C-alpha atoms as a PDB file:
ATOM      1  CA  UNK A   1       0.000   0.000   0.000  1.00  0.00           C
ATOM      2  CA  UNK A   2       1.375   3.398  -0.957  1.00  0.00           C
ATOM      3  CA  UNK A   3       0.196   6.877  -0.044  1.00  0.00           C
ATOM      4  CA  UNK A   4       1.479  10.408   0.129  1.00  0.00           C
ATOM      5  CA  UNK A   5       1.938  10.444   3.888  1.00  0.00           C
ATOM      6  CA  UNK A   6       4.161   7.414   4.455  1.00  0.00           C
ATOM      7  CA  UNK A   7       6.238   4.625   3.007  1.00  0.00           C
ATOM      8  CA  UNK A   8       4.644   1.793   1.017  1.00  0.00           C
ATOM      9  CA  UNK A   9       2.989  -0.666   3.344  1.00  0.00           C
ATOM     10  CA  UNK A  10       2.710   1.819   6.228  1.00  0.00           C
ATOM     11  CA  UNK A  11      -0.431   3.713   5.278  1.00  0.00           C
ATOM     12  CA  UNK A  12      -3.145   2.494   7.639  1.00  0.00           C
ATOM     13  CA  UNK A  13      -4.885   4.103  10.585  1.00  0.00           C
ATOM     14  CA  UNK A  14      -3.301   7.529  10.355  1.00  0.00           C
ATOM     15  CA  UNK A  15      -4.662  10.992  11.177  1.00  0.00           C
ATOM     16  CA  UNK A  16      -4.357  13.927   8.772  1.00  0.00           C
ATOM     17  CA  UNK A  17      -5.382  17.279  10.226  1.00  0.00           C
ATOM     18  CA  UNK A  18      -5.682  20.875   8.955  1.00  0.00           C
ATOM     19  CA  UNK A  19      -3.967  20.275   5.616  1.00  0.00           C
ATOM     20  CA  UNK A  20      -4.509  22.204   2.399  1.00  0.00           C
ATOM     21  CA  UNK A  21      -5.058  19.762  -0.473  1.00  0.00           C
ATOM     22  CA  UNK A  22      -6.385  22.456  -2.801  1.00  0.00           C
ATOM     23  CA  UNK A  23      -6.170  21.274  -6.409  1.00  0.00           C
ATOM     24  CA  UNK A  24      -4.300  18.074  -5.539  1.00  0.00           C
ATOM     25  CA  UNK A  25      -4.396  15.237  -8.080  1.00  0.00           C
ATOM     26  CA  UNK A  26      -5.105  11.755  -6.714  1.00  0.00           C
ATOM     27  CA  UNK A  27      -4.629   8.554  -8.712  1.00  0.00           C
ATOM     28  CA  UNK A  28      -4.645   4.762  -8.369  1.00  0.00           C
ATOM     29  CA  UNK A  29      -1.486   4.829  -6.234  1.00  0.00           C
ATOM     30  CA  UNK A  30      -3.309   6.887  -3.598  1.00  0.00           C
ATOM     31  CA  UNK A  31      -4.747   4.231  -1.294  1.00  0.00           C
ATOM     32  CA  UNK A  32      -5.844   5.125   2.247  1.00  0.00           C
ATOM     33  CA  UNK A  33      -7.173   2.568   4.719  1.00  0.00           C
ATOM     34  CA  UNK A  34      -8.598   3.539   8.090  1.00  0.00           C
ATOM     35  CA  UNK A  35      -7.445   7.157   7.858  1.00  0.00           C
ATOM     36  CA  UNK A  36      -9.111  10.057   9.650  1.00  0.00           C
ATOM     37  CA  UNK A  37      -9.119  13.415   7.873  1.00  0.00           C
ATOM     38  CA  UNK A  38      -9.926  16.506   9.967  1.00  0.00           C
ATOM     39  CA  UNK A  39     -10.670  19.948   8.517  1.00  0.00           C
ATOM     40  CA  UNK A  40      -8.984  19.525   5.134  1.00  0.00           C
ATOM     41  CA  UNK A  41      -9.518  21.730   2.096  1.00  0.00           C
ATOM     42  CA  UNK A  42     -10.219  19.446  -0.878  1.00  0.00           C
ATOM     43  CA  UNK A  43     -11.431  22.281  -3.098  1.00  0.00           C
ATOM     44  CA  UNK A  44     -10.850  21.453  -6.791  1.00  0.00           C
ATOM     45  CA  UNK A  45      -9.166  18.137  -5.972  1.00  0.00           C
ATOM     46  CA  UNK A  46      -9.121  15.846  -9.025  1.00  0.00           C
ATOM     47  CA  UNK A  47      -9.242  12.134  -8.217  1.00  0.00           C
ATOM     48  CA  UNK A  48      -9.028   9.273 -10.714  1.00  0.00           C
ATOM     49  CA  UNK A  49      -9.003   5.760  -9.309  1.00  0.00           C
ATOM     50  CA  UNK A  50      -8.030   6.727  -5.742  1.00  0.00           C
ATOM     51  CA  UNK A  51      -9.190   4.410  -2.947  1.00  0.00           C
ATOM     52  CA  UNK A  52     -10.374   5.309   0.562  1.00  0.00           C
ATOM     53  CA  UNK A  53     -11.443   2.334   2.671  1.00  0.00           C
ATOM     54  CA  UNK A  54     -12.981   2.718   6.118  1.00  0.00           C
ATOM     55  CA  UNK A  55     -11.892   6.350   6.391  1.00  0.00           C
ATOM     56  CA  UNK A  56     -13.465   9.189   8.372  1.00  0.00           C
ATOM     57  CA  UNK A  57     -13.782  12.664   6.851  1.00  0.00           C
ATOM     58  CA  UNK A  58     -14.668  15.368   9.368  1.00  0.00           C
ATOM     59  CA  UNK A  59     -15.111  18.974   8.294  1.00  0.00           C
ATOM     60  CA  UNK A  60     -13.607  18.322   4.860  1.00  0.00           C
ATOM     61  CA  UNK A  61     -14.532  20.713   2.022  1.00  0.00           C
ATOM     62  CA  UNK A  62     -14.966  18.739  -1.214  1.00  0.00           C
ATOM     63  CA  UNK A  63     -16.182  21.854  -3.041  1.00  0.00           C
ATOM     64  CA  UNK A  64     -15.725  21.857  -6.835  1.00  0.00           C
ATOM     65  CA  UNK A  65     -13.761  18.597  -6.631  1.00  0.00           C
ATOM     66  CA  UNK A  66     -13.917  16.015  -9.428  1.00  0.00           C
ATOM     67  CA  UNK A  67     -13.741  12.252  -8.897  1.00  0.00           C
ATOM     68  CA  UNK A  68     -13.703   9.552 -11.580  1.00  0.00           C
ATOM     69  CA  UNK A  69     -13.572   5.824 -10.863  1.00  0.00           C
ATOM     70  CA  UNK A  70     -12.558   6.422  -7.239  1.00  0.00           C
ATOM     71  CA  UNK A  71     -13.799   4.459  -4.235  1.00  0.00           C
ATOM     72  CA  UNK A  72     -14.969   5.662  -0.813  1.00  0.00           C
ATOM     73  CA  UNK A  73     -15.858   2.332   0.776  1.00  0.00           C
ATOM     74  CA  UNK A  74     -17.535   2.260   4.205  1.00  0.00           C
ATOM     75  CA  UNK A  75     -16.369   5.823   4.812  1.00  0.00           C
ATOM     76  CA  UNK A  76     -17.953   8.281   7.241  1.00  0.00           C
ATOM     77  CA  UNK A  77     -18.484  11.929   6.269  1.00  0.00           C
ATOM     78  CA  UNK A  78     -19.271  14.328   9.130  1.00  0.00           C
ATOM     79  CA  UNK A  79     -19.853  18.030   8.661  1.00  0.00           C
ATOM     80  CA  UNK A  80     -18.481  17.957   5.116  1.00  0.00           C
ATOM     81  CA  UNK A  81     -19.378  20.138   2.138  1.00  0.00           C
ATOM     82  CA  UNK A  82     -19.902  18.825  -1.391  1.00  0.00           C
ATOM     83  CA  UNK A  83     -20.834  22.083  -3.132  1.00  0.00           C
ATOM     84  CA  UNK A  84     -20.490  21.625  -6.914  1.00  0.00           C
ATOM     85  CA  UNK A  85     -18.636  18.307  -6.421  1.00  0.00           C
ATOM     86  CA  UNK A  86     -18.761  15.739  -9.250  1.00  0.00           C
ATOM     87  CA  UNK A  87     -18.539  11.944  -8.968  1.00  0.00           C
ATOM     88  CA  UNK A  88     -18.434   9.811 -12.120  1.00  0.00           C
ATOM     89  CA  UNK A  89     -18.392   6.022 -11.924  1.00  0.00           C
ATOM     90  CA  UNK A  90     -17.347   6.099  -8.259  1.00  0.00           C
ATOM     91  CA  UNK A  91     -18.125   3.706  -5.423  1.00  0.00           C
ATOM     92  CA  UNK A  92     -19.465   4.910  -2.081  1.00  0.00           C
ATOM     93  CA  UNK A  93     -20.767   1.538  -0.881  1.00  0.00           C
ATOM     94  CA  UNK A  94     -21.636   1.630   2.802  1.00  0.00           C
ATOM     95  CA  UNK A  95     -20.731   5.310   3.138  1.00  0.00           C
ATOM     96  CA  UNK A  96     -22.430   7.336   5.890  1.00  0.00           C
ATOM     97  CA  UNK A  97     -23.179  11.058   5.653  1.00  0.00           C
ATOM     98  CA  UNK A  98     -23.888  13.136   8.774  1.00  0.00           C
ATOM     99  CA  UNK A  99     -24.505  16.904   8.988  1.00  0.00           C
ATOM    100  CA  UNK A 100     -23.231  17.234   5.428  1.00  0.00           C
ATOM    101  CA  UNK A 101     -24.266  19.685   2.690  1.00  0.00           C
ATOM    102  CA  UNK A 102     -24.715  18.675  -0.954  1.00  0.00           C
ATOM    103  CA  UNK A 103     -25.469  21.859  -2.930  1.00  0.00           C
ATOM    104  CA  UNK A 104     -25.104  21.188  -6.676  1.00  0.00           C
ATOM    105  CA  UNK A 105     -23.612  17.736  -6.071  1.00  0.00           C
ATOM    106  CA  UNK A 106     -23.675  15.675  -9.297  1.00  0.00           C
ATOM    107  CA  UNK A 107     -23.292  11.890  -9.324  1.00  0.00           C
ATOM    108  CA  UNK A 108     -23.118  10.088 -12.682  1.00  0.00           C
ATOM    109  CA  UNK A 109     -23.119   6.294 -12.504  1.00  0.00           C
ATOM    110  CA  UNK A 110     -21.313   4.292  -9.871  1.00  0.00           C
ATOM    111  CA  UNK A 111     -22.402   2.294  -6.841  1.00  0.00           C
ATOM    112  CA  UNK A 112     -23.666   3.979  -3.661  1.00  0.00           C
ATOM    113  CA  UNK A 113     -25.461   0.899  -2.333  1.00  0.00           C
ATOM    114  CA  UNK A 114     -26.011   0.660   1.439  1.00  0.00           C
ATOM    115  CA  UNK A 115     -25.069   4.319   1.835  1.00  0.00           C
ATOM    116  CA  UNK A 116     -26.697   6.197   4.730  1.00  0.00           C
ATOM    117  CA  UNK A 117     -28.259   9.567   3.881  1.00  0.00           C
ATOM    118  CA  UNK A 118     -31.127   9.876   6.389  1.00  0.00           C
ATOM    119  CA  UNK A 119     -32.581  13.367   6.461  1.00  0.00           C
ATOM    120  CA  UNK A 120     -30.062  14.587   3.873  1.00  0.00           C
ATOM    121  CA  UNK A 121     -30.889  17.812   2.041  1.00  0.00           C
ATOM    122  CA  UNK A 122     -30.364  16.855  -1.609  1.00  0.00           C
ATOM    123  CA  UNK A 123     -32.632  19.495  -3.121  1.00  0.00           C
ATOM    124  CA  UNK A 124     -29.976  20.832  -5.488  1.00  0.00           C
ATOM    125  CA  UNK A 125     -28.252  17.522  -6.204  1.00  0.00           C
ATOM    126  CA  UNK A 126     -28.500  15.204  -9.190  1.00  0.00           C
ATOM    127  CA  UNK A 127     -28.019  11.451  -9.506  1.00  0.00           C
ATOM    128  CA  UNK A 128     -28.143   9.704 -12.876  1.00  0.00           C
ATOM    129  CA  UNK A 129     -27.698   5.970 -13.399  1.00  0.00           C
ATOM    130  CA  UNK A 130     -26.497   5.433  -9.823  1.00  0.00           C
ATOM    131  CA  UNK A 131     -26.887   2.167  -7.934  1.00  0.00           C
ATOM    132  CA  UNK A 132     -28.497   3.038  -4.577  1.00  0.00           C
ATOM    133  CA  UNK A 133     -29.663  -0.394  -3.509  1.00  0.00           C
ATOM    134  CA  UNK A 134     -30.731  -0.507   0.136  1.00  0.00           C
ATOM    135  CA  UNK A 135     -29.566   3.057   0.685  1.00  0.00           C
ATOM    136  CA  UNK A 136     -31.088   4.837   3.683  1.00  0.00           C
ATOM    137  CA  UNK A 137     -32.907   7.923   2.423  1.00  0.00           C
ATOM    138  CA  UNK A 138     -35.402   8.072   5.276  1.00  0.00           C
ATOM    139  CA  UNK A 139     -36.810  11.579   5.561  1.00  0.00           C
ATOM    140  CA  UNK A 140     -34.443  12.901   2.895  1.00  0.00           C
ATOM    141  CA  UNK A 141     -35.287  16.178   1.151  1.00  0.00           C
ATOM    142  CA  UNK A 142     -35.410  15.494  -2.578  1.00  0.00           C
ATOM    143  CA  UNK A 143     -37.657  18.349  -3.663  1.00  0.00           C
ATOM    144  CA  UNK A 144     -36.551  19.282  -7.164  1.00  0.00           C
ATOM    145  CA  UNK A 145     -33.788  16.670  -7.131  1.00  0.00           C
ATOM    146  CA  UNK A 146     -32.894  14.844 -10.335  1.00  0.00           C
ATOM    147  CA  UNK A 147     -32.636  11.121  -9.547  1.00  0.00           C
ATOM    148  CA  UNK A 148     -33.059   9.462 -12.935  1.00  0.00           C
ATOM    149  CA  UNK A 149     -32.314   5.885 -13.990  1.00  0.00           C
ATOM    150  CA  UNK A 150     -31.236   4.986 -10.450  1.00  0.00           C
ATOM    151  CA  UNK A 151     -31.540   1.579  -8.806  1.00  0.00           C
ATOM    152  CA  UNK A 152     -33.391   2.300  -5.559  1.00  0.00           C
ATOM    153  CA  UNK A 153     -34.462  -1.280  -4.930  1.00  0.00           C
ATOM    154  CA  UNK A 154     -34.655  -2.037  -1.230  1.00  0.00           C
ATOM    155  CA  UNK A 155     -33.929   1.584  -0.319  1.00  0.00           C
ATOM    156  CA  UNK A 156     -35.422   3.057   2.875  1.00  0.00           C
ATOM    157  CA  UNK A 157     -37.680   5.856   1.606  1.00  0.00           C
ATOM    158  CA  UNK A 158     -40.054   6.439   4.500  1.00  0.00           C
ATOM    159  CA  UNK A 159     -41.060  10.085   4.861  1.00  0.00           C
ATOM    160  CA  UNK A 160     -38.997  11.146   1.864  1.00  0.00           C
ATOM    161  CA  UNK A 161     -39.984  14.503   0.345  1.00  0.00           C
ATOM    162  CA  UNK A 162     -40.156  14.291  -3.440  1.00  0.00           C
ATOM    163  CA  UNK A 163     -42.181  17.333  -4.542  1.00  0.00           C
ATOM    164  CA  UNK A 164     -40.981  18.401  -7.970  1.00  0.00           C
ATOM    165  CA  UNK A 165     -38.289  15.696  -8.176  1.00  0.00           C
ATOM    166  CA  UNK A 166     -37.463  13.935 -11.452  1.00  0.00           C
ATOM    167  CA  UNK A 167     -37.440  10.181 -10.832  1.00  0.00           C
ATOM    168  CA  UNK A 168     -37.967   8.942 -14.372  1.00  0.00           C
ATOM    169  CA  UNK A 169     -36.432   5.562 -15.125  1.00  0.00           C
ATOM    170  CA  UNK A 170     -35.587   4.800 -11.491  1.00  0.00           C
ATOM    171  CA  UNK A 171     -36.604   1.658  -9.615  1.00  0.00           C
ATOM    172  CA  UNK A 172     -39.347   2.802  -7.223  1.00  0.00           C
ATOM    173  CA  UNK A 173     -40.370  -0.654  -6.001  1.00  0.00           C
ATOM    174  CA  UNK A 174     -39.372   0.287  -2.425  1.00  0.00           C
ATOM    175  CA  UNK A 175     -41.420   3.514  -2.373  1.00  0.00           C
ATOM    176  CA  UNK A 176     -44.668   3.570  -0.433  1.00  0.00           C
ATOM    177  CA  UNK A 177     -46.542   6.470  -2.072  1.00  0.00           C
ATOM    178  CA  UNK A 178     -48.675   6.849   1.045  1.00  0.00           C
ATOM    179  CA  UNK A 179     -45.667   7.984   3.121  1.00  0.00           C
ATOM    180  CA  UNK A 180     -43.984  10.272   0.583  1.00  0.00           C
ATOM    181  CA  UNK A 181     -44.647  13.935  -0.155  1.00  0.00           C
ATOM    182  CA  UNK A 182     -44.688  13.777  -3.944  1.00  0.00           C
ATOM    183  CA  UNK A 183     -46.660  16.674  -5.414  1.00  0.00           C
ATOM    184  CA  UNK A 184     -45.431  17.444  -8.921  1.00  0.00           C
ATOM    185  CA  UNK A 185     -42.913  14.571  -9.005  1.00  0.00           C
ATOM    186  CA  UNK A 186     -41.998  13.484 -12.550  1.00  0.00           C
ATOM    187  CA  UNK A 187     -42.313   9.754 -13.240  1.00  0.00           C
ATOM    188  CA  UNK A 188     -42.789   7.636 -16.361  1.00  0.00           C
ATOM    189  CA  UNK A 189     -45.781   5.462 -17.296  1.00  0.00           C
ATOM    190  CA  UNK A 190     -44.296   2.229 -15.943  1.00  0.00           C
ATOM    191  CA  UNK A 191     -43.608   3.895 -12.614  1.00  0.00           C
ATOM    192  CA  UNK A 192     -47.114   5.330 -12.536  1.00  0.00           C
ATOM    193  CA  UNK A 193     -48.585   1.854 -12.979  1.00  0.00           C
ATOM    194  CA  UNK A 194     -46.355   0.489 -10.207  1.00  0.00           C
ATOM    195  CA  UNK A 195     -47.346   3.204  -7.743  1.00  0.00           C
ATOM    196  CA  UNK A 196     -51.020   2.925  -8.642  1.00  0.00           C
ATOM    197  CA  UNK A 197     -50.854  -0.802  -7.898  1.00  0.00           C
ATOM    198  CA  UNK A 198     -49.181  -0.053  -4.551  1.00  0.00           C
ATOM    199  CA  UNK A 199     -52.169   2.164  -3.731  1.00  0.00           C
ATOM    200  CA  UNK A 200     -54.566  -0.670  -4.531  1.00  0.00           C
ATOM    201  CA  UNK A 201     -55.682   0.493  -7.985  1.00  0.00           C
ATOM    202  CA  UNK A 202     -56.193  -1.892 -10.892  1.00  0.00           C
ATOM    203  CA  UNK A 203     -54.443  -0.592 -13.998  1.00  0.00           C
ATOM    204  CA  UNK A 204     -55.868  -1.344 -17.443  1.00  0.00           C
END
């Protein structure tokens, strides 16, 4: 294992605090396991194929950062900011987000299954073609959110607020329309039939 804070093979369980990573480029050789990052500036960081496994990010600013094919596996994000951050084909399986802001976050493809986003304010975020199987979105604010072609099978969606969201092409089999605020939500015909059936209607 190699990283930028130690010799190969010595990069586990370390603490990085108050560092300026502005504009840093991260690649496949950047592998961090069990690290804790406190109050770092990740503004405009560009990551391609970097790996973070079981890491904790506290007070980290990911603003305007770009990530392609990177992995954030079973990571915890506390008090972080993702303003205008972009993730393409990334993995955030098992990631947990607490007291985090997501303004203009854009996620294109990738696997965010089992991620925990309860109560998250995602009103200005967009997700397209993302795997979100069994993700916890309980009580999340998705008003106006674009969440198209996403796999939401098994996701926890109780009390989710969807007014004005665009959910076309997404798997809504886990959504109970009786518990969601969904005025003006955009869905396709197949989804409409599914939700009508969930409400006890006979379609056709």
